[in-house]
C-alpha atoms as a PDB file:
ATOM      1  CA  UNK A   1     102.391 117.888 271.031  1.00  0.00           C
ATOM      2  CA  UNK A   2     100.190 117.647 267.346  1.00  0.00           C
ATOM      3  CA  UNK A   3     102.655 116.472 264.596  1.00  0.00           C
ATOM      4  CA  UNK A   4     102.109 117.995 261.187  1.00  0.00           C
ATOM      5  CA  UNK A   5     100.268 115.071 259.472  1.00  0.00           C
ATOM      6  CA  UNK A   6      97.646 114.878 262.140  1.00  0.00           C
ATOM      7  CA  UNK A   7      96.577 118.404 261.107  1.00  0.00           C
ATOM      8  CA  UNK A   8      93.060 118.364 259.295  1.00  0.00           C
ATOM      9  CA  UNK A   9      93.868 121.293 256.474  1.00  0.00           C
ATOM     10  CA  UNK A  10      92.240 122.924 253.960  1.00  0.00           C
ATOM     11  CA  UNK A  11      94.337 124.260 251.399  1.00  0.00           C
ATOM     12  CA  UNK A  12      94.003 126.916 248.305  1.00  0.00           C
ATOM     13  CA  UNK A  13      95.989 129.200 246.226  1.00  0.00           C
ATOM     14  CA  UNK A  14      99.329 128.891 244.502  1.00  0.00           C
ATOM     15  CA  UNK A  15     101.768 126.873 246.007  1.00  0.00           C
ATOM     16  CA  UNK A  16     105.053 129.415 245.059  1.00  0.00           C
ATOM     17  CA  UNK A  17     102.386 132.557 246.190  1.00  0.00           C
ATOM     18  CA  UNK A  18     104.544 135.314 247.956  1.00  0.00           C
ATOM     19  CA  UNK A  19     102.056 134.819 250.820  1.00  0.00           C
ATOM     20  CA  UNK A  20     101.000 131.872 252.866  1.00  0.00           C
ATOM     21  CA  UNK A  21      97.941 132.745 255.242  1.00  0.00           C
ATOM     22  CA  UNK A  22      97.235 130.179 258.238  1.00  0.00           C
ATOM     23  CA  UNK A  23      93.393 130.357 258.756  1.00  0.00           C
ATOM     24  CA  UNK A  24      92.843 129.111 262.736  1.00  0.00           C
ATOM     25  CA  UNK A  25      88.807 128.570 263.037  1.00  0.00           C
ATOM     26  CA  UNK A  26      86.429 129.426 265.705  1.00  0.00           C
ATOM     27  CA  UNK A  27      85.439 126.402 268.913  1.00  0.00           C
ATOM     28  CA  UNK A  28      83.705 123.876 267.557  1.00  0.00           C
ATOM     29  CA  UNK A  29      84.210 125.045 263.622  1.00  0.00           C
ATOM     30  CA  UNK A  30      86.376 122.672 261.447  1.00  0.00           C
ATOM     31  CA  UNK A  31      88.904 123.984 258.367  1.00  0.00           C
ATOM     32  CA  UNK A  32      85.664 123.899 255.566  1.00  0.00           C
ATOM     33  CA  UNK A  33      84.483 127.065 257.697  1.00  0.00           C
ATOM     34  CA  UNK A  34      86.496 129.106 255.934  1.00  0.00           C
ATOM     35  CA  UNK A  35      85.219 128.321 252.568  1.00  0.00           C
ATOM     36  CA  UNK A  36      83.652 131.412 251.607  1.00  0.00           C
ATOM     37  CA  UNK A  37      86.611 133.598 252.687  1.00  0.00           C
ATOM     38  CA  UNK A  38      88.937 130.979 250.695  1.00  0.00           C
ATOM     39  CA  UNK A  39      86.663 131.685 247.341  1.00  0.00           C
ATOM     40  CA  UNK A  40      87.304 135.859 247.668  1.00  0.00           C
ATOM     41  CA  UNK A  41      88.567 136.443 244.509  1.00  0.00           C
ATOM     42  CA  UNK A  42      90.734 139.073 246.117  1.00  0.00           C
ATOM     43  CA  UNK A  43      92.984 136.175 248.055  1.00  0.00           C
ATOM     44  CA  UNK A  44      93.381 134.169 244.664  1.00  0.00           C
ATOM     45  CA  UNK A  45      96.847 134.825 244.319  1.00  0.00           C
ATOM     46  CA  UNK A  46      97.340 134.172 248.007  1.00  0.00           C
ATOM     47  CA  UNK A  47      98.184 130.167 249.739  1.00  0.00           C
ATOM     48  CA  UNK A  48      95.571 130.156 252.507  1.00  0.00           C
ATOM     49  CA  UNK A  49      95.947 126.994 254.265  1.00  0.00           C
ATOM     50  CA  UNK A  50      93.186 126.514 256.934  1.00  0.00           C
ATOM     51  CA  UNK A  51      93.657 124.158 260.000  1.00  0.00           C
ATOM     52  CA  UNK A  52      90.794 122.445 262.283  1.00  0.00           C
ATOM     53  CA  UNK A  53      91.981 123.238 265.797  1.00  0.00           C
ATOM     54  CA  UNK A  54      92.549 119.785 268.109  1.00  0.00           C
ATOM     55  CA  UNK A  55      88.916 118.715 269.867  1.00  0.00           C
ATOM     56  CA  UNK A  56      86.968 120.582 267.076  1.00  0.00           C
ATOM     57  CA  UNK A  57      84.824 119.451 264.425  1.00  0.00           C
ATOM     58  CA  UNK A  58      85.731 115.616 265.574  1.00  0.00           C
ATOM     59  CA  UNK A  59      89.463 116.264 265.478  1.00  0.00           C
ATOM     60  CA  UNK A  60      91.233 114.880 267.765  1.00  0.00           C
ATOM     61  CA  UNK A  61      91.658 116.469 270.939  1.00  0.00           C
ATOM     62  CA  UNK A  62      94.799 118.135 273.072  1.00  0.00           C
ATOM     63  CA  UNK A  63      95.050 116.181 276.368  1.00  0.00           C
ATOM     64  CA  UNK A  64      96.259 120.088 277.575  1.00  0.00           C
ATOM     65  CA  UNK A  65      93.443 121.860 276.041  1.00  0.00           C
ATOM     66  CA  UNK A  66      94.176 125.638 277.448  1.00  0.00           C
ATOM     67  CA  UNK A  67      94.432 128.448 274.818  1.00  0.00           C
ATOM     68  CA  UNK A  68      98.101 128.532 275.538  1.00  0.00           C
ATOM     69  CA  UNK A  69      99.614 125.175 274.813  1.00  0.00           C
ATOM     70  CA  UNK A  70      97.244 125.686 271.336  1.00  0.00           C
ATOM     71  CA  UNK A  71      98.954 128.408 270.756  1.00  0.00           C
ATOM     72  CA  UNK A  72     102.194 126.769 271.428  1.00  0.00           C
ATOM     73  CA  UNK A  73     101.276 124.060 269.045  1.00  0.00           C
ATOM     74  CA  UNK A  74      99.773 126.130 266.682  1.00  0.00           C
ATOM     75  CA  UNK A  75     103.027 128.070 266.508  1.00  0.00           C
ATOM     76  CA  UNK A  76     104.766 125.220 265.572  1.00  0.00           C
ATOM     77  CA  UNK A  77     102.282 124.612 262.693  1.00  0.00           C
ATOM     78  CA  UNK A  78     102.593 127.993 261.610  1.00  0.00           C
ATOM     79  CA  UNK A  79     106.302 127.311 261.478  1.00  0.00           C
ATOM     80  CA  UNK A  80     105.683 124.163 259.344  1.00  0.00           C
ATOM     81  CA  UNK A  81     103.671 126.052 256.877  1.00  0.00           C
ATOM     82  CA  UNK A  82     106.042 128.797 256.438  1.00  0.00           C
ATOM     83  CA  UNK A  83     102.780 131.064 257.409  1.00  0.00           C
ATOM     84  CA  UNK A  84     103.177 134.998 257.188  1.00  0.00           C
ATOM     85  CA  UNK A  85     100.073 136.078 258.441  1.00  0.00           C
ATOM     86  CA  UNK A  86      97.752 134.335 260.582  1.00  0.00           C
ATOM     87  CA  UNK A  87      93.771 134.567 261.142  1.00  0.00           C
ATOM     88  CA  UNK A  88      91.754 133.854 263.850  1.00  0.00           C
ATOM     89  CA  UNK A  89      88.074 133.757 264.205  1.00  0.00           C
ATOM     90  CA  UNK A  90      86.620 133.579 268.036  1.00  0.00           C
ATOM     91  CA  UNK A  91      88.451 130.872 270.149  1.00  0.00           C
ATOM     92  CA  UNK A  92      90.968 130.575 266.876  1.00  0.00           C
ATOM     93  CA  UNK A  93      91.462 134.449 267.387  1.00  0.00           C
ATOM     94  CA  UNK A  94      92.320 133.676 271.340  1.00  0.00           C
ATOM     95  CA  UNK A  95      95.170 131.131 269.758  1.00  0.00           C
ATOM     96  CA  UNK A  96      96.433 133.804 267.840  1.00  0.00           C
ATOM     97  CA  UNK A  97      96.279 136.180 270.612  1.00  0.00           C
ATOM     98  CA  UNK A  98      98.307 134.087 272.426  1.00  0.00           C
ATOM     99  CA  UNK A  99     100.631 133.274 269.898  1.00  0.00           C
ATOM    100  CA  UNK A 100     101.148 137.187 269.291  1.00  0.00           C
ATOM    101  CA  UNK A 101     101.955 137.683 272.717  1.00  0.00           C
ATOM    102  CA  UNK A 102     103.957 135.212 273.952  1.00  0.00           C
ATOM    103  CA  UNK A 103     106.355 135.746 270.680  1.00  0.00           C
ATOM    104  CA  UNK A 104     105.698 132.816 269.138  1.00  0.00           C
ATOM    105  CA  UNK A 105     104.650 134.086 266.012  1.00  0.00           C
ATOM    106  CA  UNK A 106     105.524 137.733 265.033  1.00  0.00           C
ATOM    107  CA  UNK A 107     104.014 138.163 261.512  1.00  0.00           C
ATOM    108  CA  UNK A 108     100.865 140.465 261.224  1.00  0.00           C
ATOM    109  CA  UNK A 109      97.720 138.811 262.880  1.00  0.00           C
ATOM    110  CA  UNK A 110      93.886 139.519 262.332  1.00  0.00           C
ATOM    111  CA  UNK A 111      91.653 138.543 264.533  1.00  0.00           C
ATOM    112  CA  UNK A 112      88.015 137.604 263.748  1.00  0.00           C
ATOM    113  CA  UNK A 113      85.325 138.680 266.320  1.00  0.00           C
ATOM    114  CA  UNK A 114      87.741 138.426 268.990  1.00  0.00           C
ATOM    115  CA  UNK A 115      86.891 138.255 272.806  1.00  0.00           C
ATOM    116  CA  UNK A 116      89.963 139.607 275.232  1.00  0.00           C
ATOM    117  CA  UNK A 117      88.186 139.225 278.213  1.00  0.00           C
ATOM    118  CA  UNK A 118      85.359 137.968 280.143  1.00  0.00           C
ATOM    119  CA  UNK A 119      83.052 141.233 279.991  1.00  0.00           C
ATOM    120  CA  UNK A 120      83.300 140.612 276.067  1.00  0.00           C
ATOM    121  CA  UNK A 121      81.319 137.328 275.948  1.00  0.00           C
ATOM    122  CA  UNK A 122      77.713 136.957 277.147  1.00  0.00           C
ATOM    123  CA  UNK A 123      77.127 136.107 280.597  1.00  0.00           C
ATOM    124  CA  UNK A 124      74.650 133.405 279.463  1.00  0.00           C
ATOM    125  CA  UNK A 125      77.341 131.653 277.807  1.00  0.00           C
ATOM    126  CA  UNK A 126      80.048 131.926 280.525  1.00  0.00           C
ATOM    127  CA  UNK A 127      77.539 130.358 282.541  1.00  0.00           C
ATOM    128  CA  UNK A 128      76.316 127.558 280.073  1.00  0.00           C
ATOM    129  CA  UNK A 129      79.820 126.542 279.775  1.00  0.00           C
ATOM    130  CA  UNK A 130      80.948 126.505 283.516  1.00  0.00           C
ATOM    131  CA  UNK A 131      77.994 124.337 284.112  1.00  0.00           C
ATOM    132  CA  UNK A 132      79.621 121.891 282.227  1.00  0.00           C
ATOM    133  CA  UNK A 133      81.630 121.014 285.425  1.00  0.00           C
ATOM    134  CA  UNK A 134      78.334 119.453 286.801  1.00  0.00           C
ATOM    135  CA  UNK A 135      76.310 118.765 284.359  1.00  0.00           C
ATOM    136  CA  UNK A 136      79.140 117.185 281.733  1.00  0.00           C
ATOM    137  CA  UNK A 137      78.525 117.604 278.076  1.00  0.00           C
ATOM    138  CA  UNK A 138      74.540 118.677 278.702  1.00  0.00           C
ATOM    139  CA  UNK A 139      75.532 122.239 278.251  1.00  0.00           C
ATOM    140  CA  UNK A 140      77.314 121.790 275.173  1.00  0.00           C
ATOM    141  CA  UNK A 141      74.898 119.670 273.356  1.00  0.00           C
ATOM    142  CA  UNK A 142      72.489 122.557 274.111  1.00  0.00           C
ATOM    143  CA  UNK A 143      74.931 125.063 272.460  1.00  0.00           C
ATOM    144  CA  UNK A 144      75.156 123.010 269.341  1.00  0.00           C
ATOM    145  CA  UNK A 145      71.432 123.288 269.285  1.00  0.00           C
ATOM    146  CA  UNK A 146      71.282 126.757 269.598  1.00  0.00           C
ATOM    147  CA  UNK A 147      74.208 126.811 266.961  1.00  0.00           C
ATOM    148  CA  UNK A 148      72.162 125.268 264.763  1.00  0.00           C
ATOM    149  CA  UNK A 149      69.008 127.238 264.810  1.00  0.00           C
ATOM    150  CA  UNK A 150      71.108 130.310 264.533  1.00  0.00           C
ATOM    151  CA  UNK A 151      72.802 128.660 261.303  1.00  0.00           C
ATOM    152  CA  UNK A 152      69.419 128.409 259.440  1.00  0.00           C
ATOM    153  CA  UNK A 153      69.011 132.186 260.402  1.00  0.00           C
ATOM    154  CA  UNK A 154      71.689 133.335 258.043  1.00  0.00           C
ATOM    155  CA  UNK A 155      71.234 134.477 254.886  1.00  0.00           C
ATOM    156  CA  UNK A 156      73.552 131.830 253.292  1.00  0.00           C
ATOM    157  CA  UNK A 157      72.876 129.362 250.584  1.00  0.00           C
ATOM    158  CA  UNK A 158      70.336 126.340 251.715  1.00  0.00           C
ATOM    159  CA  UNK A 159      72.882 123.972 250.481  1.00  0.00           C
ATOM    160  CA  UNK A 160      75.830 126.005 252.508  1.00  0.00           C
ATOM    161  CA  UNK A 161      73.808 126.054 255.708  1.00  0.00           C
ATOM    162  CA  UNK A 162      73.358 122.161 255.345  1.00  0.00           C
ATOM    163  CA  UNK A 163      77.412 121.758 254.797  1.00  0.00           C
ATOM    164  CA  UNK A 164      77.839 123.550 258.378  1.00  0.00           C
ATOM    165  CA  UNK A 165      75.660 121.942 260.208  1.00  0.00           C
ATOM    166  CA  UNK A 166      77.018 118.285 259.527  1.00  0.00           C
ATOM    167  CA  UNK A 167      80.792 120.149 260.361  1.00  0.00           C
ATOM    168  CA  UNK A 168      79.185 120.744 262.865  1.00  0.00           C
ATOM    169  CA  UNK A 169      77.560 117.217 264.365  1.00  0.00           C
ATOM    170  CA  UNK A 170      81.352 116.467 264.020  1.00  0.00           C
ATOM    171  CA  UNK A 171      81.717 117.947 266.949  1.00  0.00           C
ATOM    172  CA  UNK A 172      82.300 115.020 270.226  1.00  0.00           C
ATOM    173  CA  UNK A 173      80.677 116.805 273.368  1.00  0.00           C
ATOM    174  CA  UNK A 174      82.921 115.605 275.562  1.00  0.00           C
ATOM    175  CA  UNK A 175      86.040 116.858 273.301  1.00  0.00           C
ATOM    176  CA  UNK A 176      84.257 120.243 272.733  1.00  0.00           C
ATOM    177  CA  UNK A 177      82.775 120.882 276.628  1.00  0.00           C
ATOM    178  CA  UNK A 178      87.162 120.709 277.491  1.00  0.00           C
ATOM    179  CA  UNK A 179      88.066 123.162 274.814  1.00  0.00           C
ATOM    180  CA  UNK A 180      85.361 125.740 275.758  1.00  0.00           C
ATOM    181  CA  UNK A 181      85.288 125.491 279.393  1.00  0.00           C
ATOM    182  CA  UNK A 182      89.395 126.337 278.792  1.00  0.00           C
ATOM    183  CA  UNK A 183      88.113 128.705 276.523  1.00  0.00           C
ATOM    184  CA  UNK A 184      86.229 130.575 279.159  1.00  0.00           C
ATOM    185  CA  UNK A 185      88.815 130.127 281.762  1.00  0.00           C
ATOM    186  CA  UNK A 186      91.481 131.581 279.747  1.00  0.00           C
ATOM    187  CA  UNK A 187      89.465 134.645 279.284  1.00  0.00           C
ATOM    188  CA  UNK A 188      89.108 135.131 282.792  1.00  0.00           C
ATOM    189  CA  UNK A 189      92.605 134.823 283.598  1.00  0.00           C
ATOM    190  CA  UNK A 190      93.190 137.839 281.150  1.00  0.00           C
ATOM    191  CA  UNK A 191      94.894 141.161 282.611  1.00  0.00           C
ATOM    192  CA  UNK A 192      95.080 143.932 280.508  1.00  0.00           C
ATOM    193  CA  UNK A 193      94.942 142.375 276.796  1.00  0.00           C
ATOM    194  CA  UNK A 194      94.561 145.057 275.363  1.00  0.00           C
ATOM    195  CA  UNK A 195      97.725 146.647 276.408  1.00  0.00           C
ATOM    196  CA  UNK A 196      99.675 142.878 276.193  1.00  0.00           C
ATOM    197  CA  UNK A 197      98.250 143.154 272.096  1.00  0.00           C
ATOM    198  CA  UNK A 198      99.868 146.464 271.606  1.00  0.00           C
ATOM    199  CA  UNK A 199     102.740 145.570 273.524  1.00  0.00           C
ATOM    200  CA  UNK A 200     103.535 142.493 271.020  1.00  0.00           C
ATOM    201  CA  UNK A 201     104.751 144.816 268.468  1.00  0.00           C
ATOM    202  CA  UNK A 202     103.189 143.511 265.508  1.00  0.00           C
ATOM    203  CA  UNK A 203     100.326 144.055 263.150  1.00  0.00           C
ATOM    204  CA  UNK A 204      97.165 143.549 264.571  1.00  0.00           C
ATOM    205  CA  UNK A 205      93.852 143.929 262.708  1.00  0.00           C
ATOM    206  CA  UNK A 206      90.291 143.397 265.304  1.00  0.00           C
ATOM    207  CA  UNK A 207      87.383 143.195 263.530  1.00  0.00           C
ATOM    208  CA  UNK A 208      84.003 142.971 264.357  1.00  0.00           C
ATOM    209  CA  UNK A 209      80.128 143.452 263.146  1.00  0.00           C
ATOM    210  CA  UNK A 210      78.266 146.184 265.136  1.00  0.00           C
ATOM    211  CA  UNK A 211      76.424 143.320 266.915  1.00  0.00           C
ATOM    212  CA  UNK A 212      76.032 139.532 266.673  1.00  0.00           C
ATOM    213  CA  UNK A 213      79.935 138.580 267.334  1.00  0.00           C
ATOM    214  CA  UNK A 214      80.823 139.695 270.661  1.00  0.00           C
ATOM    215  CA  UNK A 215      82.744 142.976 271.166  1.00  0.00           C
ATOM    216  CA  UNK A 216      85.100 145.020 273.350  1.00  0.00           C
ATOM    217  CA  UNK A 217      84.990 146.769 276.318  1.00  0.00           C
ATOM    218  CA  UNK A 218      85.256 150.832 275.951  1.00  0.00           C
ATOM    219  CA  UNK A 219      88.386 150.470 277.672  1.00  0.00           C
ATOM    220  CA  UNK A 220      89.928 147.877 275.559  1.00  0.00           C
ATOM    221  CA  UNK A 221      88.605 149.561 272.564  1.00  0.00           C
ATOM    222  CA  UNK A 222      90.447 152.717 273.614  1.00  0.00           C
ATOM    223  CA  UNK A 223      93.739 151.008 274.217  1.00  0.00           C
ATOM    224  CA  UNK A 224      93.728 149.425 271.035  1.00  0.00           C
ATOM    225  CA  UNK A 225      92.575 152.398 268.999  1.00  0.00           C
ATOM    226  CA  UNK A 226      95.559 154.255 270.223  1.00  0.00           C
ATOM    227  CA  UNK A 227      98.067 151.839 269.282  1.00  0.00           C
ATOM    228  CA  UNK A 228     100.110 152.911 266.428  1.00  0.00           C
ATOM    229  CA  UNK A 229     100.118 149.226 264.968  1.00  0.00           C
ATOM    230  CA  UNK A 230      96.839 148.103 265.334  1.00  0.00           C
ATOM    231  CA  UNK A 231      93.671 148.964 263.446  1.00  0.00           C
ATOM    232  CA  UNK A 232      90.219 148.457 264.975  1.00  0.00           C
ATOM    233  CA  UNK A 233      87.729 147.405 262.028  1.00  0.00           C
ATOM    234  CA  UNK A 234      84.081 147.513 262.578  1.00  0.00           C
ATOM    235  CA  UNK A 235      81.855 146.022 259.814  1.00  0.00           C
ATOM    236  CA  UNK A 236      78.062 147.423 259.604  1.00  0.00           C
ATOM    237  CA  UNK A 237      75.283 145.522 260.523  1.00  0.00           C
ATOM    238  CA  UNK A 238      74.723 142.380 262.416  1.00  0.00           C
ATOM    239  CA  UNK A 239      76.597 138.964 261.856  1.00  0.00           C
ATOM    240  CA  UNK A 240      77.241 136.453 264.044  1.00  0.00           C
ATOM    241  CA  UNK A 241      79.577 133.281 261.879  1.00  0.00           C
ATOM    242  CA  UNK A 242      81.714 136.370 260.680  1.00  0.00           C
ATOM    243  CA  UNK A 243      84.079 134.705 258.140  1.00  0.00           C
ATOM    244  CA  UNK A 244      80.792 133.159 256.416  1.00  0.00           C
ATOM    245  CA  UNK A 245      78.791 135.939 256.407  1.00  0.00           C
ATOM    246  CA  UNK A 246      80.961 139.059 256.166  1.00  0.00           C
ATOM    247  CA  UNK A 247      83.927 137.189 253.684  1.00  0.00           C
ATOM    248  CA  UNK A 248      84.406 139.513 251.426  1.00  0.00           C
ATOM    249  CA  UNK A 249      85.077 142.076 254.236  1.00  0.00           C
ATOM    250  CA  UNK A 250      87.524 140.063 255.886  1.00  0.00           C
ATOM    251  CA  UNK A 251      89.203 139.290 252.971  1.00  0.00           C
ATOM    252  CA  UNK A 252      89.752 142.641 252.466  1.00  0.00           C
ATOM    253  CA  UNK A 253      91.046 143.063 256.024  1.00  0.00           C
ATOM    254  CA  UNK A 254      93.503 139.952 255.538  1.00  0.00           C
ATOM    255  CA  UNK A 255      94.829 141.714 252.169  1.00  0.00           C
ATOM    256  CA  UNK A 256      95.698 144.350 254.407  1.00  0.00           C
ATOM    257  CA  UNK A 257      97.595 142.264 256.220  1.00  0.00           C
ATOM    258  CA  UNK A 258      99.151 140.332 253.149  1.00  0.00           C
ATOM    259  CA  UNK A 259     100.479 143.845 251.753  1.00  0.00           C
ATOM    260  CA  UNK A 260     102.236 144.702 255.063  1.00  0.00           C
ATOM    261  CA  UNK A 261     104.206 141.631 254.206  1.00  0.00           C
ATOM    262  CA  UNK A 262     105.247 142.747 250.998  1.00  0.00           C
ATOM    263  CA  UNK A 263     105.589 146.231 251.962  1.00  0.00           C
ATOM    264  CA  UNK A 264     108.411 145.205 254.423  1.00  0.00           C
ATOM    265  CA  UNK A 265     109.590 142.331 252.880  1.00  0.00           C
END
C-alpha cells in the first residue's frame, strides 16, 4: 500500500473549491503531464490534484503492478483528497475504469484515450511490451526513444517539449517494463468491458481524438453510446498526447463532469 505522503502530487485551484478532481497520468508520465489541463481558465475555480502513479516517471513502484492493485491504492488516495471526479489518461484511465467497475469510486469519471481491450491497442505495441519477458527492459527503452521522437513532432512550444522529455527520462526501465506488461495483461483479461462500465451506473465520459490516441472497437463504441449515463466524445483531428495537445477540449469535458456533481450535490 502507498501512504498518502508518498504520492508525488501536483495541485492547483482553490483549497475551498466546491469540487476536487483527481488526475491520473498515462504510462511513463508524471503528474506534470497535466500542466496544460491545469492551466485551462475554465478549470480555474476547481481543485485539481494530479498524482504520478507508482512505477512511472521515477516514482517508487508497487510490488503488485496489476491494474487492479493500482485501482485499489488509487481509490484510497481519492478518499484522502476527497475527490469528487476522477480523470485518467491511457493507463491512468484503465486504473480509473477499475476503480469504477469495482465500486471503489462512485463519482463521475472522465477516461481520456482509454483502451478497453487488447484490440484497442496496436499489435506492435502489445508485442513489444510482451517481448520484455525475454528481452528485459530493452523494449521499454526502445519505446521511450519512439516517444521522445513523437513529442518532437507535436505542436507544443519547444520549452514544453523539453519539459515532457525530461519527465520521461525519469523512468526506470525495469519498473516501467513491469507496469506496461501488467497493463497489456489487463487488456487481455477484459471480458465485455463496455458492458461492465455501463453496469457500474456512474456518469462516464470516454474521450478520444479521431486518430492517434488509441480507440474503441465498433462493438465497444455501440455499447457505450447506448448506455444512458455514458457519453462518447470524439475530438476531430490527430493527437497522441491528448491531455497536452487537446487540453482545452479535455478541460471542457472535465467541467461537464464537475457540473454533474453540482447538479446532484
